[in-house]
C-alpha cells in the first residue's frame, strides 16, 4: 500500500467525531487487545482488525465522564497543574489546568479551563488559588480571584527555558526598530502574539497572509535552511544530528502550537530518514504525524489551526508531486495556489472572508523572512544584546510589513461567505476526484481552479434579509442586528464573536452601541465605523432599542422583546 497511514488516520478521525456526539465508553484495554490481535494476523484481515482497534482506541481516548452541573459562586480552593501553553487575552490569561486538589471532589483529576490575571504562569506551573466558576457544555471553567493566587514554578523543569525566552523578548524590546516590527518579530520568532494589536494584524487578515505571522512549516523550513547554512563547517550528518536535537526544543520554546509541532515532527522524521538512509514519503510522514498528534490530543481535530495546518501542507505536498517535472518557480507558484485551494473552505466556514491576494502575495512576502529568521537565530545566540544586528533584523521585518500593507491597499478583500458543511464535503470530493484522474498537470490545475471558483460562488451569502442575533450573557443579551448592509452591535463588553458576524453579513457600515464605552479597547472599536453611547435607549437609522428589564427593539414598526438566550430572528420570516 502506497499510503499505509491514510486509512488509520481517517478511521481515527471518524472515531473522534462519533464520540464527539455520542460519548461512548470503550475500555482502553479492549482497544489495545484488538491492536495486539491484529499483529498476529496476516494480509487483508490484519489491516481490517488493525483499523477496528484504531476506531476503538479513538472512542477510548475521547470518552469524558459527565461532570455534575456545578455553579461555584462563592470563592473555593483549587490546586492544579498547568497542562497547556497559556493564551493571552486583553486582561486575562487562559490555560488548561489539571485539578490536583479542591473543595469539589467531583473535579479532582479533571482538566479544566482557568482564566487568571496573574503573571508568571507557564506550561507545567503549579497553581493554588481561590476561584469561582461553573460548568458550561460539560466543561468546568474557573476564574481565579486576584491576589488570592499562588504560582509555583519550583518543580517546573521548563521554567528556566521560559525565563530565558522572556529575557530574550525583553532585550529585543530594548533594541527594536519600532513597536510594529517588535510585535511582528515576537510573533515570528517566539510565537508570542500578545503584542499584536488589531491595526497591525488587520493587513494580514485582509490579504490572506495571516498564516505568515504564525510559526508554521514555512518558518521551520527557513530555520532548517538557516541553521544548515550557519553550520556549514560541519559534516552533513553532524548538521542533521544537531538540527534533529534543536528543533523539538524550538517547538517547546515557541509554545507547542499545532502548526509548529506538525512541522517539527515532520522535520525530525526527515532528519531520521537522512541519517538512516531511508527513502521518505512526505505524504506518509504527514498522515503519520496527524495520526500521532490526534492520539495525543484528539480535540485538535476540531481546531481551526490543526485543520488549516494539515490541509495547507497536504496541498503543498500534492502540488509538488504533480508538478515535480517543472521548474522551481512554477512549483512555488502552484504550491501557493494549492495551499489556498485546500484551506479556503475552512477559512470561509470559520471566518467568512476571502482574499485572492494570498496566492501571489505569499511567495513575495515570504522573501524578507529568510534574512529575518536567519538573523533571529544569530540574535538568539547573542541574547539580542547587539543593537546593530537586532535593528538589521528588524529592518527586514519592516520590509515584510510594508509588502503586506501594499497588498492590503489593493482592496482585494471580500466578506459575506457562509458555506455549508455539505458544500465543503462536495468540494473536497470533487478536488480528490480531479487529482485521481489521469490528466496532465496543467489540466488538473485548470479543473481544480474552476471547481474553486464555483465553490466561492455557491459559498457567497446572498441572504440580505434583516436579522437579529441574540447571545446569552450574564444579565442582558448581546444583540447584533444586520439590516441590508448596515450592522449594529449592542453590547456593554467586548464580544469577539461579533467581529466574525461583521464578515459573515458583509457589513458595509457598522455601529457599536453601548452604555459603557469605557469597557472597549481601541483594538475592538477600530472594527466599527461609528461608536455611539446611550442611556436606557437609542434610535439609529429608524432602529429603536430600549434596555429595560427585558430588552426591546423596534424595527420597521415591528416589536421584539428579546430573551437572554442564543437565538437568530429573521425579520423576513417574521413577516417583514
Protein backbone atom coordinates (compact mmCIF):
# COMPACT_ATOMS: atom_id res chain seq x y z
CA UNK A 1 0.00 0.00 0.00
CA UNK A 2 1.39 3.40 -1.01
CA UNK A 3 -0.05 5.36 1.93
CA UNK A 4 -0.49 2.88 4.82
CA UNK A 5 -1.23 5.62 7.39
CA UNK A 6 -4.07 7.24 5.43
CA UNK A 7 -6.84 4.78 6.36
CA UNK A 8 -5.88 4.57 10.08
CA UNK A 9 -5.91 8.38 10.16
CA UNK A 10 -9.39 8.52 8.61
CA UNK A 11 -10.65 5.79 10.98
CA UNK A 12 -9.20 7.61 13.99
CA UNK A 13 -10.79 10.89 12.89
CA UNK A 14 -14.13 9.12 12.36
CA UNK A 15 -13.99 7.66 15.87
CA UNK A 16 -13.22 11.08 17.36
CA UNK A 17 -16.18 12.63 15.52
CA UNK A 18 -18.52 9.81 16.60
CA UNK A 19 -17.60 10.23 20.26
CA UNK A 20 -17.87 14.00 19.98
CA UNK A 21 -21.61 13.48 19.56
CA UNK A 22 -22.31 10.18 21.37
CA UNK A 23 -19.56 9.96 24.04
CA UNK A 24 -19.41 6.14 24.01
CA UNK A 25 -17.28 4.33 26.59
CA UNK A 26 -14.78 1.71 25.43
CA UNK A 27 -12.09 0.44 27.85
CA UNK A 28 -8.59 1.30 26.70
CA UNK A 29 -7.56 -2.29 27.41
CA UNK A 30 -10.13 -3.57 24.88
CA UNK A 31 -8.71 -1.32 22.15
CA UNK A 32 -5.14 -2.43 22.97
CA UNK A 33 -6.14 -6.12 22.89
CA UNK A 34 -7.66 -5.72 19.41
CA UNK A 35 -4.47 -3.99 18.22
CA UNK A 36 -2.37 -6.85 19.66
CA UNK A 37 -4.60 -9.46 17.97
CA UNK A 38 -4.14 -7.68 14.61
CA UNK A 39 -0.38 -8.21 14.92
CA UNK A 40 -0.93 -11.97 14.83
CA UNK A 41 -2.96 -11.89 11.61
CA UNK A 42 -1.85 -11.56 8.00
CA UNK A 43 -2.84 -9.67 4.90
CA UNK A 44 -6.26 -8.12 4.48
CA UNK A 45 -7.69 -9.40 7.80
CA UNK A 46 -4.76 -7.92 9.70
CA UNK A 47 -5.43 -4.47 8.22
CA UNK A 48 -9.18 -4.69 8.95
CA UNK A 49 -8.68 -5.72 12.60
CA UNK A 50 -5.94 -3.11 13.00
CA UNK A 51 -8.30 -0.34 11.91
CA UNK A 52 -11.05 -1.72 14.15
CA UNK A 53 -8.57 -1.37 17.02
CA UNK A 54 -7.82 2.20 15.93
CA UNK A 55 -11.55 3.02 15.93
CA UNK A 56 -11.97 1.57 19.43
CA UNK A 57 -8.87 3.49 20.54
CA UNK A 58 -10.46 6.71 19.28
CA UNK A 59 -13.61 6.02 21.33
CA UNK A 60 -11.48 5.19 24.37
CA UNK A 61 -9.33 8.33 24.36
CA UNK A 62 -12.25 10.68 23.68
CA UNK A 63 -14.68 9.43 26.31
CA UNK A 64 -15.35 12.02 29.02
CA UNK A 65 -17.08 11.39 32.31
CA UNK A 66 -20.11 13.55 32.93
CA UNK A 67 -19.40 16.34 35.40
CA UNK A 68 -22.19 17.48 37.74
CA UNK A 69 -23.68 20.88 36.95
CA UNK A 70 -21.56 22.93 39.36
CA UNK A 71 -22.13 26.62 39.96
CA UNK A 72 -19.29 27.84 42.18
CA UNK A 73 -20.45 31.33 43.21
CA UNK A 74 -18.55 31.50 46.49
CA UNK A 75 -14.72 31.56 46.46
CA UNK A 76 -13.43 27.99 46.68
CA UNK A 77 -9.96 26.46 46.94
CA UNK A 78 -8.30 24.82 43.94
CA UNK A 79 -4.85 23.41 43.30
CA UNK A 80 -3.85 22.44 39.77
CA UNK A 81 -1.06 21.85 37.28
CA UNK A 82 -0.99 23.86 34.04
CA UNK A 83 -1.08 21.38 31.13
CA UNK A 84 -1.28 23.75 28.16
CA UNK A 85 0.58 26.79 26.97
CA UNK A 86 -1.24 29.93 28.20
CA UNK A 87 -3.22 32.06 25.74
CA UNK A 88 -3.02 35.79 26.37
CA UNK A 89 -6.12 37.95 26.05
CA UNK A 90 -6.65 41.62 26.79
CA UNK A 91 -6.68 41.38 30.59
CA UNK A 92 -6.64 37.64 31.19
CA UNK A 93 -4.53 34.57 30.61
CA UNK A 94 -6.36 31.32 29.86
CA UNK A 95 -4.96 27.81 30.10
CA UNK A 96 -5.90 24.17 30.78
CA UNK A 97 -5.17 23.02 34.31
CA UNK A 98 -5.39 19.52 35.79
CA UNK A 99 -7.02 19.67 39.23
CA UNK A 100 -4.85 18.12 41.94
CA UNK A 101 -6.94 19.14 44.93
CA UNK A 102 -10.03 21.24 45.58
CA UNK A 103 -13.21 21.66 47.62
CA UNK A 104 -15.21 19.80 44.96
CA UNK A 105 -14.15 16.14 44.85
CA UNK A 106 -16.04 15.60 41.56
CA UNK A 107 -13.46 17.55 39.55
CA UNK A 108 -10.25 16.21 41.13
CA UNK A 109 -8.16 14.68 38.37
CA UNK A 110 -10.14 16.52 35.67
CA UNK A 111 -8.67 19.09 33.29
CA UNK A 112 -10.47 22.44 33.46
CA UNK A 113 -10.19 25.81 31.75
CA UNK A 114 -8.81 28.53 34.03
CA UNK A 115 -8.79 32.31 33.50
CA UNK A 116 -6.38 34.39 35.57
CA UNK A 117 -4.87 37.88 35.79
CA UNK A 118 -1.73 36.62 37.50
CA UNK A 119 1.70 36.79 35.86
CA UNK A 120 4.43 34.18 35.73
CA UNK A 121 2.14 31.34 34.65
CA UNK A 122 3.81 28.92 32.25
CA UNK A 123 3.29 25.44 30.93
CA UNK A 124 3.60 22.99 33.86
CA UNK A 125 3.34 25.70 36.54
CA UNK A 126 1.58 24.69 39.74
CA UNK A 127 -1.24 26.92 40.97
CA UNK A 128 -3.10 27.24 44.27
CA UNK A 129 -5.95 29.72 44.19
CA UNK A 130 -9.36 30.80 45.34
CA UNK A 131 -11.73 30.92 42.39
CA UNK A 132 -15.27 30.90 41.10
CA UNK A 133 -16.71 29.06 38.14
CA UNK A 134 -19.34 26.88 36.56
CA UNK A 135 -19.90 24.03 34.13
CA UNK A 136 -20.63 25.03 30.52
CA UNK A 137 -21.21 22.42 27.79
CA UNK A 138 -19.89 19.71 30.10
CA UNK A 139 -16.63 21.59 30.79
CA UNK A 140 -15.55 23.30 34.01
CA UNK A 141 -14.46 26.94 33.64
CA UNK A 142 -12.82 28.72 36.58
CA UNK A 143 -11.73 32.30 37.20
CA UNK A 144 -9.06 32.99 39.82
CA UNK A 145 -9.54 35.77 42.35
CA UNK A 146 -6.80 38.34 42.05
CA UNK A 147 -4.27 38.45 44.90
CA UNK A 148 -5.51 35.06 46.11
CA UNK A 149 -3.42 33.02 43.70
CA UNK A 150 -0.03 31.44 44.28
CA UNK A 151 2.09 30.43 41.28
CA UNK A 152 4.78 27.86 41.99
CA UNK A 153 7.47 27.01 39.38
CA UNK A 154 9.92 25.34 41.77
CA UNK A 155 9.34 21.91 40.22
CA UNK A 156 8.77 23.12 36.66
CA UNK A 157 11.54 21.55 34.50
CA UNK A 158 10.87 24.05 31.70
CA UNK A 159 10.90 27.18 33.87
CA UNK A 160 14.48 28.21 33.08
CA UNK A 161 13.82 27.87 29.35
CA UNK A 162 10.74 30.09 29.62
CA UNK A 163 12.64 32.68 31.66
CA UNK A 164 15.39 32.73 29.03
CA UNK A 165 12.68 33.33 26.42
CA UNK A 166 11.23 36.20 28.49
CA UNK A 167 14.70 37.71 28.83
CA UNK A 168 15.32 37.49 25.08
CA UNK A 169 11.98 39.19 24.35
CA UNK A 170 12.80 41.93 26.88
CA UNK A 171 16.22 42.53 25.29
CA UNK A 172 14.62 42.54 21.85
CA UNK A 173 12.23 45.24 23.03
CA UNK A 174 15.15 47.40 24.16
CA UNK A 175 16.79 47.31 20.71
CA UNK A 176 13.72 47.18 18.45
CA UNK A 177 13.26 49.44 15.45
CA UNK A 178 9.66 50.35 16.36
CA UNK A 179 6.61 48.86 18.08
CA UNK A 180 5.18 47.38 14.87
CA UNK A 181 8.33 45.48 13.95
CA UNK A 182 8.65 44.29 17.56
CA UNK A 183 5.05 42.99 17.57
CA UNK A 184 5.55 41.14 14.29
CA UNK A 185 9.04 39.95 15.25
CA UNK A 186 7.96 38.40 18.56
CA UNK A 187 5.19 36.52 16.71
CA UNK A 188 7.57 35.27 14.00
CA UNK A 189 10.48 34.36 16.28
CA UNK A 190 8.94 33.41 19.63
CA UNK A 191 5.37 32.53 18.71
CA UNK A 192 4.08 35.30 21.01
CA UNK A 193 1.07 37.15 19.56
CA UNK A 194 0.10 39.14 22.67
CA UNK A 195 1.94 42.22 21.38
CA UNK A 196 -0.05 42.31 18.13
CA UNK A 197 -2.85 44.86 18.09
CA UNK A 198 -5.72 44.80 15.62
CA UNK A 199 -4.27 47.62 13.49
CA UNK A 200 -1.02 45.73 12.93
CA UNK A 201 -2.82 42.43 12.37
CA UNK A 202 -5.56 43.81 10.09
CA UNK A 203 -3.48 43.94 6.83
CA UNK A 204 -2.54 40.27 7.31
CA UNK A 205 -6.21 39.30 7.55
CA UNK A 206 -7.21 41.42 4.55
CA UNK A 207 -4.53 39.87 2.34
CA UNK A 208 -4.96 36.26 3.48
CA UNK A 209 -1.38 36.38 4.78
CA UNK A 210 -2.19 35.77 8.45
CA UNK A 211 -0.54 32.34 8.12
CA UNK A 212 2.82 34.06 7.58
CA UNK A 213 2.76 35.65 11.01
CA UNK A 214 2.12 32.34 12.79
CA UNK A 215 5.05 29.96 13.11
CA UNK A 216 4.38 27.06 10.76
CA UNK A 217 6.00 24.71 8.28
CA UNK A 218 7.37 27.51 6.14
CA UNK A 219 9.16 29.08 9.11
CA UNK A 220 10.59 25.73 10.18
CA UNK A 221 11.84 25.14 6.62
CA UNK A 222 13.52 28.57 6.59
CA UNK A 223 15.07 27.95 10.03
CA UNK A 224 16.20 24.49 8.88
CA UNK A 225 17.92 26.08 5.89
CA UNK A 226 19.37 28.93 8.00
CA UNK A 227 20.82 26.65 10.68
CA UNK A 228 22.24 24.36 8.00
CA UNK A 229 23.93 27.37 6.41
CA UNK A 230 25.31 28.64 9.73
CA UNK A 231 26.74 25.18 10.48
CA UNK A 232 28.38 24.85 7.04
CA UNK A 233 31.74 23.97 8.61
CA UNK A 234 30.33 20.67 9.95
CA UNK A 235 29.70 17.48 8.01
CA UNK A 236 26.18 16.86 6.69
CA UNK A 237 25.43 14.05 9.16
CA UNK A 238 26.57 16.13 12.14
CA UNK A 239 24.38 19.01 10.94
CA UNK A 240 21.37 16.68 10.75
CA UNK A 241 22.02 15.39 14.28
CA UNK A 242 22.22 18.94 15.67
CA UNK A 243 19.07 20.02 13.78
CA UNK A 244 17.15 16.93 14.93
CA UNK A 245 18.10 17.79 18.52
CA UNK A 246 17.38 21.53 18.36
CA UNK A 247 14.03 21.53 16.52
CA UNK A 248 11.98 19.84 19.30
CA UNK A 249 13.32 22.44 21.75
CA UNK A 250 12.25 25.14 19.33
CA UNK A 251 8.70 23.73 19.36
CA UNK A 252 8.70 23.93 23.16
CA UNK A 253 10.32 27.37 23.03
CA UNK A 254 7.54 28.75 20.82
CA UNK A 255 4.60 27.31 22.74
CA UNK A 256 3.83 23.96 21.10
CA UNK A 257 1.41 25.48 18.59
CA UNK A 258 -0.22 22.92 16.31
CA UNK A 259 1.44 24.14 13.06
CA UNK A 260 4.94 24.26 14.57
CA UNK A 261 4.59 20.84 16.26
CA UNK A 262 3.39 19.35 12.98
CA UNK A 263 6.27 20.97 11.09
CA UNK A 264 8.91 19.98 13.66
CA UNK A 265 7.58 16.42 13.80
CA UNK A 266 7.85 16.11 10.02
CA UNK A 267 11.30 17.73 10.01
CA UNK A 268 12.57 15.29 12.65
CA UNK A 269 11.26 12.34 10.57
CA UNK A 270 13.05 13.81 7.55
CA UNK A 271 16.29 14.06 9.58
CA UNK A 272 15.92 10.44 10.79
CA UNK A 273 15.36 9.22 7.24
CA UNK A 274 18.51 11.02 6.10
CA UNK A 275 20.60 9.66 8.98
CA UNK A 276 19.39 6.09 8.40
CA UNK A 277 19.46 6.39 4.59
CA UNK A 278 15.72 5.66 4.35
CA UNK A 279 13.50 6.62 1.45
CA UNK A 280 10.93 9.09 2.80
CA UNK A 281 7.43 9.79 1.51
CA UNK A 282 6.20 13.27 2.53
CA UNK A 283 2.51 12.27 2.42
CA UNK A 284 3.12 9.22 4.61
CA UNK A 285 5.01 11.37 7.09
CA UNK A 286 2.14 13.90 7.08
CA UNK A 287 -0.51 11.20 7.65
CA UNK A 288 1.51 9.58 10.45
CA UNK A 289 2.15 12.97 12.07
CA UNK A 290 -1.57 13.79 12.00
CA UNK A 291 -2.39 10.32 13.42
CA UNK A 292 0.13 10.64 16.24
CA UNK A 293 -0.99 14.19 17.05
CA UNK A 294 -4.67 13.19 17.25
CA UNK A 295 -3.90 10.24 19.53
CA UNK A 296 -2.15 12.62 21.93
CA UNK A 297 -4.71 15.42 21.61
CA UNK A 298 -7.98 14.25 19.99
CA UNK A 299 -9.77 17.60 20.40
CA UNK A 300 -7.26 19.08 17.93
CA UNK A 301 -9.38 17.61 15.13
CA UNK A 302 -11.90 20.40 15.76
CA UNK A 303 -9.21 23.07 15.98
CA UNK A 304 -9.09 25.51 13.06
CA UNK A 305 -5.31 25.71 13.47
CA UNK A 306 -4.98 21.92 13.07
CA UNK A 307 -7.25 21.84 10.04
CA UNK A 308 -5.52 24.73 8.27
CA UNK A 309 -2.01 23.48 9.06
CA UNK A 310 -2.53 19.95 7.77
CA UNK A 311 -4.65 20.91 4.76
CA UNK A 312 -2.15 23.56 3.66
CA UNK A 313 0.70 21.06 3.96
CA UNK A 314 -1.33 18.41 2.12
CA UNK A 315 -1.98 20.86 -0.72
CA UNK A 316 1.68 21.87 -0.95
CA UNK A 317 2.95 18.28 -0.97
CA UNK A 318 0.45 17.23 -3.64
CA UNK A 319 1.29 20.23 -5.81
CA UNK A 320 5.00 19.42 -5.68
CA UNK A 321 4.25 15.77 -6.52
CA UNK A 322 2.05 16.67 -9.51
CA UNK A 323 4.42 19.36 -10.86
CA UNK A 324 7.67 17.56 -9.95
CA UNK A 325 9.00 17.87 -13.52
CA UNK A 326 8.53 21.64 -13.66
CA UNK A 327 10.88 24.46 -12.63
CA UNK A 328 11.21 25.58 -9.00
CA UNK A 329 9.47 28.87 -9.82
CA UNK A 330 6.42 27.03 -11.20
CA UNK A 331 6.43 24.73 -8.15
CA UNK A 332 6.49 27.75 -5.82
CA UNK A 333 3.54 29.43 -7.55
CA UNK A 334 1.48 26.24 -7.82
CA UNK A 335 2.21 25.37 -4.17
CA UNK A 336 0.78 28.73 -3.14
CA UNK A 337 -2.32 28.13 -5.29
CA UNK A 338 -2.87 24.62 -3.88
CA UNK A 339 -2.39 25.80 -0.28
CA UNK A 340 -5.08 28.44 -0.86
CA UNK A 341 -7.43 25.99 -2.59
CA UNK A 342 -7.14 23.44 0.24
CA UNK A 343 -7.52 25.92 3.13
CA UNK A 344 -10.11 28.39 1.80
CA UNK A 345 -13.18 26.23 2.71
CA UNK A 346 -12.04 26.17 6.36
CA UNK A 347 -11.41 29.94 6.33
CA UNK A 348 -14.80 30.68 4.75
CA UNK A 349 -16.62 28.39 7.19
CA UNK A 350 -15.00 29.91 10.30
CA UNK A 351 -14.13 33.49 9.31
CA UNK A 352 -16.43 34.26 6.33
CA UNK A 353 -13.80 36.14 4.31
CA UNK A 354 -11.53 35.54 1.32
CA UNK A 355 -8.63 37.39 -0.26
CA UNK A 356 -7.18 36.16 -3.60
CA UNK A 357 -4.02 38.18 -2.96
CA UNK A 358 -2.69 35.37 -0.77
CA UNK A 359 -2.00 33.31 -3.90
CA UNK A 360 0.52 35.68 -5.46
CA UNK A 361 1.44 37.67 -2.34
CA UNK A 362 2.67 34.70 -0.28
CA UNK A 363 5.84 33.98 -2.34
CA UNK A 364 6.72 37.70 -2.43
CA UNK A 365 6.00 38.43 1.24
CA UNK A 366 8.00 35.34 2.27
CA UNK A 367 11.25 36.70 0.80
CA UNK A 368 12.12 39.11 3.69
CA UNK A 369 11.51 36.27 6.15
CA UNK A 370 14.65 34.43 5.01
CA UNK A 371 17.13 37.07 6.26
CA UNK A 372 14.86 37.96 9.20
CA UNK A 373 14.69 34.42 10.59
CA UNK A 374 18.35 33.73 9.80
CA UNK A 375 19.39 36.81 11.78
CA UNK A 376 16.96 35.84 14.54
CA UNK A 377 18.97 32.64 15.08
CA UNK A 378 22.15 34.71 15.40
CA UNK A 379 20.43 37.16 17.76
CA UNK A 380 19.10 34.36 19.96
CA UNK A 381 22.65 33.05 20.42
CA UNK A 382 23.83 36.60 21.18
CA UNK A 383 20.95 37.21 23.60
CA UNK A 384 19.53 40.07 21.47
CA UNK A 385 22.22 42.28 23.00
CA UNK A 386 23.90 43.52 19.80
CA UNK A 387 21.92 46.63 18.86
CA UNK A 388 23.10 46.75 15.24
CA UNK A 389 22.15 43.13 14.48
CA UNK A 390 18.73 43.46 16.11
CA UNK A 391 17.96 46.59 14.11
CA UNK A 392 19.13 44.98 10.85
CA UNK A 393 16.85 42.01 11.59
CA UNK A 394 14.01 44.41 12.40
CA UNK A 395 14.62 46.24 9.13
CA UNK A 396 13.66 43.10 7.23
CA UNK A 397 10.60 42.93 9.48
CA UNK A 398 9.79 46.48 8.37
CA UNK A 399 10.11 45.45 4.71
CA UNK A 400 7.86 42.45 5.42
CA UNK A 401 5.22 44.75 6.93
CA UNK A 402 5.36 47.20 4.02
CA UNK A 403 4.90 44.38 1.49
CA UNK A 404 1.83 43.14 3.40
CA UNK A 405 0.42 46.67 3.66
CA UNK A 406 0.92 47.20 -0.06
CA UNK A 407 -1.13 44.13 -0.92
CA UNK A 408 -3.75 45.18 1.63
CA UNK A 409 -4.03 48.58 -0.12
CA UNK A 410 -5.19 46.78 -3.29
CA UNK A 411 -8.53 46.23 -1.57
CA UNK A 412 -8.96 42.63 -2.75
CA UNK A 413 -10.74 41.55 0.42
CA UNK A 414 -14.21 40.05 0.30
CA UNK A 415 -16.62 39.13 3.09
CA UNK A 416 -20.09 37.65 3.27
CA UNK A 417 -19.26 33.96 2.69
CA UNK A 418 -21.04 31.19 4.57
CA UNK A 419 -20.57 27.70 3.03
CA UNK A 420 -22.44 24.72 4.46
CA UNK A 421 -20.65 21.54 5.56
CA UNK A 422 -22.40 19.72 2.70
CA UNK A 423 -20.87 22.05 0.11
CA UNK A 424 -17.44 21.73 1.74
CA UNK A 425 -17.70 17.92 1.56
CA UNK A 426 -18.77 18.05 -2.12
CA UNK A 427 -15.93 20.48 -2.88
CA UNK A 428 -13.20 18.25 -1.42
CA UNK A 429 -14.74 15.18 -3.06
CA UNK A 430 -14.57 16.85 -6.49
CA UNK A 431 -10.98 18.02 -5.84
CA UNK A 432 -9.97 14.47 -4.88
CA UNK A 433 -11.68 13.07 -7.98
CA UNK A 434 -9.78 15.51 -10.23
CA UNK A 435 -6.47 14.63 -8.56
CA UNK A 436 -7.10 10.92 -9.21
CA UNK A 437 -7.90 11.42 -12.89
CA UNK A 438 -5.23 10.57 -15.45
CA UNK A 439 -4.73 14.13 -16.67
CA UNK A 440 -1.77 16.33 -17.43
CA UNK A 441 -0.70 18.61 -14.51
CA UNK A 442 -1.95 21.82 -16.16
CA UNK A 443 -5.30 20.20 -16.94
CA UNK A 444 -5.69 19.15 -13.30
CA UNK A 445 -4.80 22.64 -12.15
CA UNK A 446 -7.33 24.19 -14.56
CA UNK A 447 -10.20 21.94 -13.42
CA UNK A 448 -9.32 22.47 -9.77
CA UNK A 449 -9.31 26.26 -10.16
CA UNK A 450 -12.70 26.12 -11.93
CA UNK A 451 -14.06 24.00 -9.07
CA UNK A 452 -12.66 26.55 -6.63
CA UNK A 453 -14.39 29.45 -8.42
CA UNK A 454 -17.71 27.59 -8.41
CA UNK A 455 -17.29 26.86 -4.69
CA UNK A 456 -16.70 30.55 -3.97
CA UNK A 457 -19.86 31.41 -5.90
CA UNK A 458 -22.09 28.94 -4.02
CA UNK A 459 -20.49 29.92 -0.69
CA UNK A 460 -21.48 33.58 -1.02
CA UNK A 461 -24.15 34.60 1.46
CA UNK A 462 -26.86 36.09 -0.75
CA UNK A 463 -29.36 36.39 2.10
CA UNK A 464 -29.63 40.16 2.60
CA UNK A 465 -32.73 39.98 4.79
CA UNK A 466 -32.61 41.75 8.14
CA UNK A 467 -31.72 39.59 11.13
CA UNK A 468 -31.49 39.95 14.89
CA UNK A 469 -28.89 37.81 16.67
CA UNK A 470 -29.04 37.47 20.45
CA UNK A 471 -26.29 35.89 22.55
CA UNK A 472 -26.71 34.83 26.16
CA UNK A 473 -24.76 36.90 28.69
CA UNK A 474 -24.78 37.35 32.47
CA UNK A 475 -27.73 39.75 32.60
CA UNK A 476 -28.67 41.21 29.21
CA UNK A 477 -28.16 39.51 25.86
CA UNK A 478 -25.56 40.76 23.40
CA UNK A 479 -27.55 41.91 20.36
CA UNK A 480 -26.37 42.07 16.76
CA UNK A 481 -28.64 43.49 14.07
CA UNK A 482 -27.95 43.07 10.35
CA UNK A 483 -30.05 45.33 8.15
CA UNK A 484 -29.27 45.45 4.40
CA UNK A 485 -25.58 46.25 4.69
CA UNK A 486 -25.83 48.17 7.98
CA UNK A 487 -24.85 46.30 11.13
CA UNK A 488 -25.37 47.22 14.78
CA UNK A 489 -23.72 45.61 17.80
CA UNK A 490 -25.50 46.42 21.08
CA UNK A 491 -23.26 45.35 23.96
CA UNK A 492 -21.58 46.53 27.15
CA UNK A 493 -18.44 44.43 26.81
CA UNK A 494 -16.17 43.20 24.03
CA UNK A 495 -17.92 40.31 22.30
CA UNK A 496 -15.30 38.98 19.89
CA UNK A 497 -17.68 36.65 18.01
CA UNK A 498 -19.48 39.74 16.72
CA UNK A 499 -16.40 40.59 14.64
CA UNK A 500 -16.93 37.40 12.65
CA UNK A 501 -20.59 38.33 12.16
CA UNK A 502 -19.44 41.61 10.59
CA UNK A 503 -17.70 39.48 7.94
CA UNK A 504 -20.44 36.89 7.62
CA UNK A 505 -23.11 39.51 6.97
CA UNK A 506 -20.82 41.53 4.67
CA UNK A 507 -21.42 44.71 6.67
CA UNK A 508 -20.72 47.91 4.73
CA UNK A 509 -21.37 50.30 7.63
CA UNK A 510 -21.08 49.09 11.24
CA UNK A 511 -22.17 50.67 14.52
CA UNK A 512 -21.24 49.85 18.11
CA UNK A 513 -23.99 50.94 20.52
CA UNK A 514 -23.14 50.78 24.22
CA UNK A 515 -23.90 52.23 27.64
CA UNK A 516 -20.30 51.64 28.73
CA UNK A 517 -17.86 52.81 26.03
CA UNK A 518 -15.02 52.71 28.58
CA UNK A 519 -15.20 48.88 28.54
CA UNK A 520 -13.97 48.72 24.93
CA UNK A 521 -10.36 48.85 23.76
CA UNK A 522 -9.19 50.76 20.70
CA UNK A 523 -8.35 47.38 19.11
CA UNK A 524 -12.02 46.42 19.28
CA UNK A 525 -13.64 49.73 18.34
CA UNK A 526 -11.50 50.15 15.21
CA UNK A 527 -13.64 47.40 13.64
CA UNK A 528 -16.66 49.74 13.66
CA UNK A 529 -17.37 52.84 11.59
CA UNK A 530 -19.15 54.60 14.47
CA UNK A 531 -19.28 54.12 18.23
CA UNK A 532 -22.39 55.60 19.89
CA UNK A 533 -23.10 55.70 23.63
CA UNK A 534 -26.58 55.88 25.13
CA UNK A 535 -28.54 55.58 28.37
CA UNK A 536 -31.51 53.23 28.52
CA UNK A 537 -32.50 53.69 24.87
CA UNK A 538 -31.20 54.74 21.45
CA UNK A 539 -32.65 55.31 17.97
CA UNK A 540 -30.31 54.88 14.98
CA UNK A 541 -31.49 54.86 11.36
CA UNK A 542 -35.03 54.00 12.42
CA UNK A 543 -33.99 51.14 14.71
CA UNK A 544 -35.14 51.82 18.27
CA UNK A 545 -33.58 49.87 21.15
CA UNK A 546 -34.64 50.11 24.80
CA UNK A 547 -32.72 48.43 27.59
CA UNK A 548 -35.42 47.63 30.12
CA UNK A 549 -35.84 44.57 32.34
CA UNK A 550 -36.46 42.68 29.10
CA UNK A 551 -34.62 44.32 26.17
CA UNK A 552 -36.90 45.67 23.47
CA UNK A 553 -36.17 46.54 19.85
CA UNK A 554 -38.39 48.17 17.23
CA UNK A 555 -37.50 47.60 13.54
CA UNK A 556 -39.73 48.77 10.70
CA UNK A 557 -42.64 49.11 13.11
CA UNK A 558 -42.29 45.52 14.35
CA UNK A 559 -41.71 45.00 18.09
CA UNK A 560 -39.41 42.33 19.51
CA UNK A 561 -38.96 41.53 23.20
CA UNK A 562 -35.58 39.84 23.36
CA UNK A 563 -34.80 37.00 25.73
CA UNK A 564 -31.36 36.41 27.19
CA UNK A 565 -30.53 33.38 25.03
CA UNK A 566 -28.68 32.34 21.89
CA UNK A 567 -31.13 32.92 19.04
CA UNK A 568 -31.45 34.24 15.48
CA UNK A 569 -34.59 36.06 14.34
CA UNK A 570 -35.02 36.56 10.60
CA UNK A 571 -37.24 39.60 10.01
CA UNK A 572 -38.19 38.22 6.61
CA UNK A 573 -39.58 35.01 8.10
CA UNK A 574 -41.30 37.14 10.75
CA UNK A 575 -43.41 38.76 8.07
CA UNK A 576 -41.39 41.90 7.44
